[in-house]
Amino acid sequence: MPLVLGMVVCLLLLGAGVTAATSAFLARSRLQHSCDGAAAAAAAATHRALLLAGAATEDVARSAALDYLRPRDPATAVDGAIAGPGGGPGDTVELRCTGTSAITFGAVFGVAEMTMTVRAVGRSLLPE
């Protein structure tokens, strides 16, 4: 009987560990997908700003990224920079997104929440 109980406890811990690891992986994947979309939206906004006003700023990119993220993932923080291939602004937008997510069964292992940071690069596909 003790051997069976020991095995059941081991299997329950293994199942909780697999569930916690999967939860963390999926949370990071969701954050990455959100950040990728925000980078694409920011790149399109900076490209439009370059065409219409002749200049694009980091504020334009950050505002577009936050507008994209607000309905999808409002707790995500964005840090962005505009960079071009030759150092010129507006060609490429690079974002760093940070989010916190609850981990299923994470409290069993001492990590109930996890803060993750991902990086995304967006390039506008709008014609010039």
N, C-alpha and C. Protein backbone atom coordinates (compact mmCIF):
# COMPACT_ATOMS: atom_id res chain seq x y z
N MET A 1 0.80 -1.20 0.00
CA MET A 1 0.00 0.00 0.00
C MET A 1 0.85 1.28 0.00
N PRO A 2 1.90 1.38 0.84
CA PRO A 2 2.73 2.59 0.80
C PRO A 2 3.41 2.80 -0.56
N LEU A 3 3.79 1.72 -1.20
CA LEU A 3 4.41 1.84 -2.52
C LEU A 3 3.42 2.41 -3.53
N VAL A 4 2.19 1.97 -3.50
CA VAL A 4 1.15 2.47 -4.42
C VAL A 4 0.88 3.94 -4.15
N LEU A 5 0.75 4.31 -2.87
CA LEU A 5 0.53 5.72 -2.52
C LEU A 5 1.71 6.59 -2.96
N GLY A 6 2.91 6.09 -2.77
CA GLY A 6 4.10 6.83 -3.21
C GLY A 6 4.12 7.04 -4.71
N MET A 7 3.75 6.03 -5.45
CA MET A 7 3.71 6.13 -6.91
C MET A 7 2.63 7.12 -7.37
N VAL A 8 1.46 7.10 -6.68
CA VAL A 8 0.38 8.02 -7.02
C VAL A 8 0.83 9.46 -6.77
N VAL A 9 1.49 9.70 -5.65
CA VAL A 9 1.99 11.05 -5.35
C VAL A 9 3.01 11.48 -6.41
N CYS A 10 3.91 10.58 -6.78
CA CYS A 10 4.90 10.90 -7.82
C CYS A 10 4.22 11.23 -9.15
N LEU A 11 3.23 10.44 -9.52
CA LEU A 11 2.52 10.70 -10.78
C LEU A 11 1.74 12.02 -10.73
N LEU A 12 1.14 12.34 -9.58
CA LEU A 12 0.44 13.62 -9.45
C LEU A 12 1.41 14.79 -9.56
N LEU A 13 2.58 14.68 -8.92
CA LEU A 13 3.58 15.74 -9.03
C LEU A 13 4.10 15.86 -10.46
N LEU A 14 4.29 14.75 -11.13
CA LEU A 14 4.73 14.78 -12.52
C LEU A 14 3.68 15.45 -13.40
N GLY A 15 2.42 15.10 -13.19
CA GLY A 15 1.33 15.73 -13.96
C GLY A 15 1.25 17.22 -13.69
N ALA A 16 1.40 17.63 -12.43
CA ALA A 16 1.37 19.06 -12.10
C ALA A 16 2.56 19.78 -12.73
N GLY A 17 3.71 19.13 -12.74
CA GLY A 17 4.91 19.73 -13.35
C GLY A 17 4.76 19.92 -14.85
N VAL A 18 4.22 18.93 -15.51
CA VAL A 18 3.99 19.03 -16.96
C VAL A 18 2.96 20.12 -17.26
N THR A 19 1.92 20.19 -16.45
CA THR A 19 0.89 21.22 -16.64
C THR A 19 1.47 22.62 -16.41
N ALA A 20 2.29 22.78 -15.37
CA ALA A 20 2.90 24.08 -15.09
C ALA A 20 3.85 24.49 -16.22
N ALA A 21 4.65 23.56 -16.71
CA ALA A 21 5.58 23.88 -17.80
C ALA A 21 4.82 24.25 -19.07
N THR A 22 3.75 23.52 -19.37
CA THR A 22 2.94 23.83 -20.54
C THR A 22 2.27 25.19 -20.41
N SER A 23 1.78 25.50 -19.22
CA SER A 23 1.16 26.79 -18.98
C SER A 23 2.15 27.93 -19.20
N ALA A 24 3.37 27.78 -18.71
CA ALA A 24 4.40 28.81 -18.90
C ALA A 24 4.76 28.95 -20.38
N PHE A 25 4.89 27.84 -21.08
CA PHE A 25 5.21 27.88 -22.50
C PHE A 25 4.12 28.58 -23.30
N LEU A 26 2.86 28.25 -23.01
CA LEU A 26 1.74 28.86 -23.73
C LEU A 26 1.60 30.35 -23.41
N ALA A 27 1.89 30.74 -22.18
CA ALA A 27 1.85 32.16 -21.81
C ALA A 27 2.90 32.94 -22.58
N ARG A 28 4.10 32.38 -22.70
CA ARG A 28 5.17 33.05 -23.46
C ARG A 28 4.81 33.12 -24.94
N SER A 29 4.22 32.06 -25.45
CA SER A 29 3.81 32.03 -26.85
C SER A 29 2.74 33.09 -27.13
N ARG A 30 1.76 33.22 -26.23
CA ARG A 30 0.73 34.26 -26.39
C ARG A 30 1.35 35.65 -26.36
N LEU A 31 2.30 35.86 -25.45
CA LEU A 31 2.97 37.16 -25.36
C LEU A 31 3.75 37.45 -26.64
N GLN A 32 4.43 36.45 -27.18
CA GLN A 32 5.20 36.62 -28.41
C GLN A 32 4.29 36.97 -29.58
N HIS A 33 3.16 36.29 -29.70
CA HIS A 33 2.22 36.56 -30.79
C HIS A 33 1.64 37.97 -30.67
N SER A 34 1.30 38.38 -29.45
CA SER A 34 0.79 39.73 -29.24
C SER A 34 1.84 40.78 -29.59
N CYS A 35 3.07 40.53 -29.20
CA CYS A 35 4.15 41.47 -29.48
C CYS A 35 4.46 41.54 -30.98
N ASP A 36 4.38 40.41 -31.67
CA ASP A 36 4.58 40.40 -33.12
C ASP A 36 3.53 41.25 -33.82
N GLY A 37 2.27 41.10 -33.41
CA GLY A 37 1.20 41.91 -34.00
C GLY A 37 1.38 43.39 -33.71
N ALA A 38 1.79 43.70 -32.48
CA ALA A 38 2.03 45.10 -32.11
C ALA A 38 3.18 45.70 -32.91
N ALA A 39 4.21 44.92 -33.16
CA ALA A 39 5.34 45.41 -33.94
C ALA A 39 4.92 45.67 -35.39
N ALA A 40 4.08 44.80 -35.94
CA ALA A 40 3.59 45.02 -37.31
C ALA A 40 2.72 46.27 -37.37
N ALA A 41 1.85 46.47 -36.37
CA ALA A 41 1.01 47.67 -36.34
C ALA A 41 1.85 48.92 -36.17
N ALA A 42 2.88 48.86 -35.35
CA ALA A 42 3.76 50.01 -35.14
C ALA A 42 4.55 50.34 -36.41
N ALA A 43 4.99 49.30 -37.12
CA ALA A 43 5.73 49.54 -38.37
C ALA A 43 4.84 50.19 -39.42
N ALA A 44 3.60 49.74 -39.52
CA ALA A 44 2.67 50.34 -40.48
C ALA A 44 2.38 51.80 -40.11
N ALA A 45 2.23 52.08 -38.82
CA ALA A 45 1.96 53.45 -38.37
C ALA A 45 3.15 54.38 -38.64
N THR A 46 4.36 53.89 -38.42
CA THR A 46 5.53 54.74 -38.67
C THR A 46 5.71 54.97 -40.17
N HIS A 47 5.38 53.97 -40.95
CA HIS A 47 5.49 54.13 -42.40
C HIS A 47 4.48 55.18 -42.89
N ARG A 48 3.24 55.10 -42.38
CA ARG A 48 2.24 56.12 -42.73
C ARG A 48 2.69 57.50 -42.29
N ALA A 49 3.27 57.60 -41.08
CA ALA A 49 3.74 58.89 -40.58
C ALA A 49 4.86 59.44 -41.45
N LEU A 50 5.73 58.56 -41.94
CA LEU A 50 6.80 59.01 -42.84
C LEU A 50 6.23 59.53 -44.16
N LEU A 51 5.22 58.84 -44.69
CA LEU A 51 4.64 59.26 -45.95
C LEU A 51 3.84 60.56 -45.81
N LEU A 52 3.09 60.69 -44.71
CA LEU A 52 2.21 61.85 -44.54
C LEU A 52 2.94 63.07 -43.98
N ALA A 53 3.78 62.85 -42.98
CA ALA A 53 4.41 63.99 -42.31
C ALA A 53 5.90 64.10 -42.60
N GLY A 54 6.46 63.09 -43.19
CA GLY A 54 7.89 63.13 -43.51
C GLY A 54 8.78 62.75 -42.35
N ALA A 55 8.18 62.39 -41.21
CA ALA A 55 8.98 62.00 -40.04
C ALA A 55 8.17 61.04 -39.19
N ALA A 56 8.88 60.15 -38.54
CA ALA A 56 8.24 59.21 -37.61
C ALA A 56 9.04 59.22 -36.32
N THR A 57 8.34 59.13 -35.22
CA THR A 57 9.01 59.15 -33.93
C THR A 57 8.72 57.86 -33.18
N GLU A 58 9.45 57.68 -32.11
CA GLU A 58 9.21 56.51 -31.27
C GLU A 58 7.82 56.58 -30.64
N ASP A 59 7.33 57.79 -30.41
CA ASP A 59 5.99 57.95 -29.84
C ASP A 59 4.91 57.41 -30.77
N VAL A 60 5.07 57.59 -32.07
CA VAL A 60 4.12 57.06 -33.04
C VAL A 60 4.10 55.53 -32.96
N ALA A 61 5.29 54.94 -32.92
CA ALA A 61 5.38 53.48 -32.85
C ALA A 61 4.81 52.95 -31.55
N ARG A 62 5.16 53.57 -30.43
CA ARG A 62 4.67 53.12 -29.13
C ARG A 62 3.14 53.26 -29.05
N SER A 63 2.61 54.37 -29.54
CA SER A 63 1.16 54.59 -29.51
C SER A 63 0.42 53.54 -30.34
N ALA A 64 0.94 53.25 -31.52
CA ALA A 64 0.30 52.23 -32.38
C ALA A 64 0.38 50.85 -31.74
N ALA A 65 1.52 50.54 -31.12
CA ALA A 65 1.66 49.24 -30.46
C ALA A 65 0.70 49.12 -29.28
N LEU A 66 0.57 50.18 -28.50
CA LEU A 66 -0.34 50.14 -27.36
C LEU A 66 -1.80 50.08 -27.82
N ASP A 67 -2.13 50.79 -28.91
CA ASP A 67 -3.48 50.72 -29.46
C ASP A 67 -3.81 49.29 -29.90
N TYR A 68 -2.83 48.60 -30.46
CA TYR A 68 -3.03 47.22 -30.89
C TYR A 68 -3.20 46.30 -29.67
N LEU A 69 -2.38 46.51 -28.65
CA LEU A 69 -2.39 45.61 -27.50
C LEU A 69 -3.54 45.86 -26.52
N ARG A 70 -4.04 47.10 -26.47
CA ARG A 70 -5.04 47.46 -25.45
C ARG A 70 -6.23 46.49 -25.42
N PRO A 71 -6.90 46.18 -26.54
CA PRO A 71 -8.03 45.25 -26.45
C PRO A 71 -7.60 43.78 -26.33
N ARG A 72 -6.39 43.46 -26.72
CA ARG A 72 -5.97 42.06 -26.75
C ARG A 72 -5.27 41.63 -25.47
N ASP A 73 -4.36 42.45 -24.99
CA ASP A 73 -3.54 42.09 -23.83
C ASP A 73 -3.16 43.36 -23.09
N PRO A 74 -4.10 43.95 -22.33
CA PRO A 74 -3.87 45.27 -21.74
C PRO A 74 -2.76 45.32 -20.69
N ALA A 75 -2.38 44.21 -20.12
CA ALA A 75 -1.35 44.21 -19.07
C ALA A 75 0.07 44.20 -19.63
N THR A 76 0.23 44.12 -20.94
CA THR A 76 1.56 44.04 -21.54
C THR A 76 2.19 45.42 -21.61
N ALA A 77 3.43 45.51 -21.16
CA ALA A 77 4.19 46.76 -21.25
C ALA A 77 5.05 46.72 -22.50
N VAL A 78 5.20 47.88 -23.16
CA VAL A 78 5.93 47.96 -24.42
C VAL A 78 7.06 48.96 -24.31
N ASP A 79 8.21 48.54 -24.80
CA ASP A 79 9.36 49.44 -24.93
C ASP A 79 9.80 49.32 -26.38
N GLY A 80 9.81 50.41 -27.11
CA GLY A 80 10.07 50.31 -28.54
C GLY A 80 11.14 51.25 -29.02
N ALA A 81 11.66 50.93 -30.17
CA ALA A 81 12.64 51.77 -30.83
C ALA A 81 12.42 51.66 -32.33
N ILE A 82 12.61 52.76 -33.01
CA ILE A 82 12.52 52.77 -34.46
C ILE A 82 13.93 52.75 -35.01
N ALA A 83 14.18 51.87 -35.94
CA ALA A 83 15.51 51.79 -36.52
C ALA A 83 15.39 51.42 -37.98
N GLY A 84 16.26 51.91 -38.78
CA GLY A 84 16.28 51.58 -40.19
C GLY A 84 17.56 50.87 -40.54
N PRO A 85 17.65 50.34 -41.76
CA PRO A 85 18.85 49.62 -42.16
C PRO A 85 20.10 50.49 -42.16
N GLY A 86 19.93 51.76 -42.53
CA GLY A 86 21.08 52.66 -42.55
C GLY A 86 21.04 53.63 -41.38
N GLY A 87 20.32 53.27 -40.35
CA GLY A 87 20.19 54.16 -39.21
C GLY A 87 19.05 55.14 -39.37
N GLY A 88 18.38 55.12 -40.53
CA GLY A 88 17.27 56.02 -40.76
C GLY A 88 16.02 55.52 -40.08
N PRO A 89 15.18 56.43 -39.61
CA PRO A 89 13.99 56.00 -38.89
C PRO A 89 12.90 55.46 -39.80
N GLY A 90 12.07 54.60 -39.25
CA GLY A 90 10.84 54.22 -39.92
C GLY A 90 10.85 52.95 -40.73
N ASP A 91 12.00 52.42 -41.07
CA ASP A 91 12.00 51.21 -41.89
C ASP A 91 11.62 49.97 -41.06
N THR A 92 12.14 49.90 -39.88
CA THR A 92 11.92 48.74 -39.02
C THR A 92 11.58 49.21 -37.61
N VAL A 93 10.66 48.52 -36.96
CA VAL A 93 10.31 48.82 -35.58
C VAL A 93 10.65 47.60 -34.75
N GLU A 94 11.40 47.82 -33.69
CA GLU A 94 11.76 46.74 -32.78
C GLU A 94 11.10 47.02 -31.44
N LEU A 95 10.34 46.07 -30.94
CA LEU A 95 9.64 46.21 -29.67
C LEU A 95 10.13 45.17 -28.68
N ARG A 96 10.11 45.57 -27.42
CA ARG A 96 10.36 44.64 -26.33
C ARG A 96 9.09 44.67 -25.47
N CYS A 97 8.41 43.54 -25.36
CA CYS A 97 7.15 43.45 -24.62
C CYS A 97 7.37 42.63 -23.35
N THR A 98 6.80 43.11 -22.26
CA THR A 98 6.92 42.43 -20.98
C THR A 98 5.52 42.18 -20.43
N GLY A 99 5.28 40.97 -19.99
CA GLY A 99 3.98 40.62 -19.42
C GLY A 99 4.13 39.64 -18.27
N THR A 100 3.15 39.65 -17.39
CA THR A 100 3.12 38.73 -16.26
C THR A 100 1.93 37.81 -16.43
N SER A 101 2.14 36.53 -16.17
CA SER A 101 1.08 35.55 -16.35
C SER A 101 1.06 34.58 -15.18
N ALA A 102 -0.14 34.19 -14.79
CA ALA A 102 -0.29 33.17 -13.75
C ALA A 102 0.02 31.80 -14.34
N ILE A 103 0.71 30.98 -13.59
CA ILE A 103 1.10 29.65 -14.04
C ILE A 103 0.22 28.62 -13.33
N THR A 104 -0.45 27.79 -14.10
CA THR A 104 -1.29 26.73 -13.54
C THR A 104 -0.44 25.77 -12.72
N PHE A 105 -0.85 25.49 -11.50
CA PHE A 105 -0.12 24.64 -10.55
C PHE A 105 1.27 25.18 -10.23
N GLY A 106 1.52 26.43 -10.58
CA GLY A 106 2.84 27.01 -10.31
C GLY A 106 3.11 27.16 -8.82
N ALA A 107 2.06 27.38 -8.04
CA ALA A 107 2.23 27.55 -6.59
C ALA A 107 2.79 26.28 -5.94
N VAL A 108 2.52 25.14 -6.53
CA VAL A 108 3.05 23.88 -6.01
C VAL A 108 4.58 23.89 -6.06
N PHE A 109 5.12 24.56 -7.06
CA PHE A 109 6.57 24.61 -7.25
C PHE A 109 7.17 25.95 -6.85
N GLY A 110 6.37 26.82 -6.23
CA GLY A 110 6.88 28.08 -5.73
C GLY A 110 6.90 29.21 -6.74
N VAL A 111 6.26 29.04 -7.90
CA VAL A 111 6.23 30.09 -8.92
C VAL A 111 4.79 30.25 -9.40
N ALA A 112 4.02 31.05 -8.66
CA ALA A 112 2.61 31.23 -9.01
C ALA A 112 2.45 32.13 -10.23
N GLU A 113 3.33 33.12 -10.38
CA GLU A 113 3.31 34.04 -11.53
C GLU A 113 4.69 34.10 -12.14
N MET A 114 4.70 34.39 -13.43
CA MET A 114 5.97 34.49 -14.13
C MET A 114 5.96 35.75 -15.00
N THR A 115 7.02 36.54 -14.90
CA THR A 115 7.18 37.71 -15.75
C THR A 115 8.10 37.35 -16.90
N MET A 116 7.63 37.62 -18.12
CA MET A 116 8.38 37.24 -19.31
C MET A 116 8.61 38.46 -20.19
N THR A 117 9.70 38.48 -20.90
CA THR A 117 10.01 39.55 -21.86
C THR A 117 10.34 38.90 -23.19
N VAL A 118 9.72 39.41 -24.24
CA VAL A 118 9.99 38.92 -25.60
C VAL A 118 10.34 40.10 -26.50
N ARG A 119 10.92 39.81 -27.63
CA ARG A 119 11.34 40.82 -28.59
C ARG A 119 10.68 40.52 -29.93
N ALA A 120 10.22 41.58 -30.60
CA ALA A 120 9.61 41.41 -31.92
C ALA A 120 10.08 42.54 -32.83
N VAL A 121 10.25 42.21 -34.09
CA VAL A 121 10.66 43.19 -35.09
C VAL A 121 9.59 43.23 -36.16
N GLY A 122 9.12 44.43 -36.47
CA GLY A 122 8.10 44.60 -37.50
C GLY A 122 8.61 45.46 -38.64
N ARG A 123 8.20 45.11 -39.83
CA ARG A 123 8.56 45.87 -41.02
C ARG A 123 7.29 46.13 -41.81
N SER A 124 7.13 47.35 -42.25
CA SER A 124 5.90 47.72 -42.94
C SER A 124 5.85 47.10 -44.34
N LEU A 125 4.66 46.64 -44.71
CA LEU A 125 4.46 46.10 -46.04
C LEU A 125 3.69 47.06 -46.93
N LEU A 126 3.43 48.27 -46.41
CA LEU A 126 2.70 49.27 -47.19
C LEU A 126 3.57 49.76 -48.35
N PRO A 127 2.97 49.95 -49.52
CA PRO A 127 3.75 50.45 -50.65
C PRO A 127 4.14 51.90 -50.43
N GLU A 128 5.27 52.28 -50.99
CA GLU A 128 5.72 53.67 -50.86
C GLU A 128 5.10 54.57 -51.87
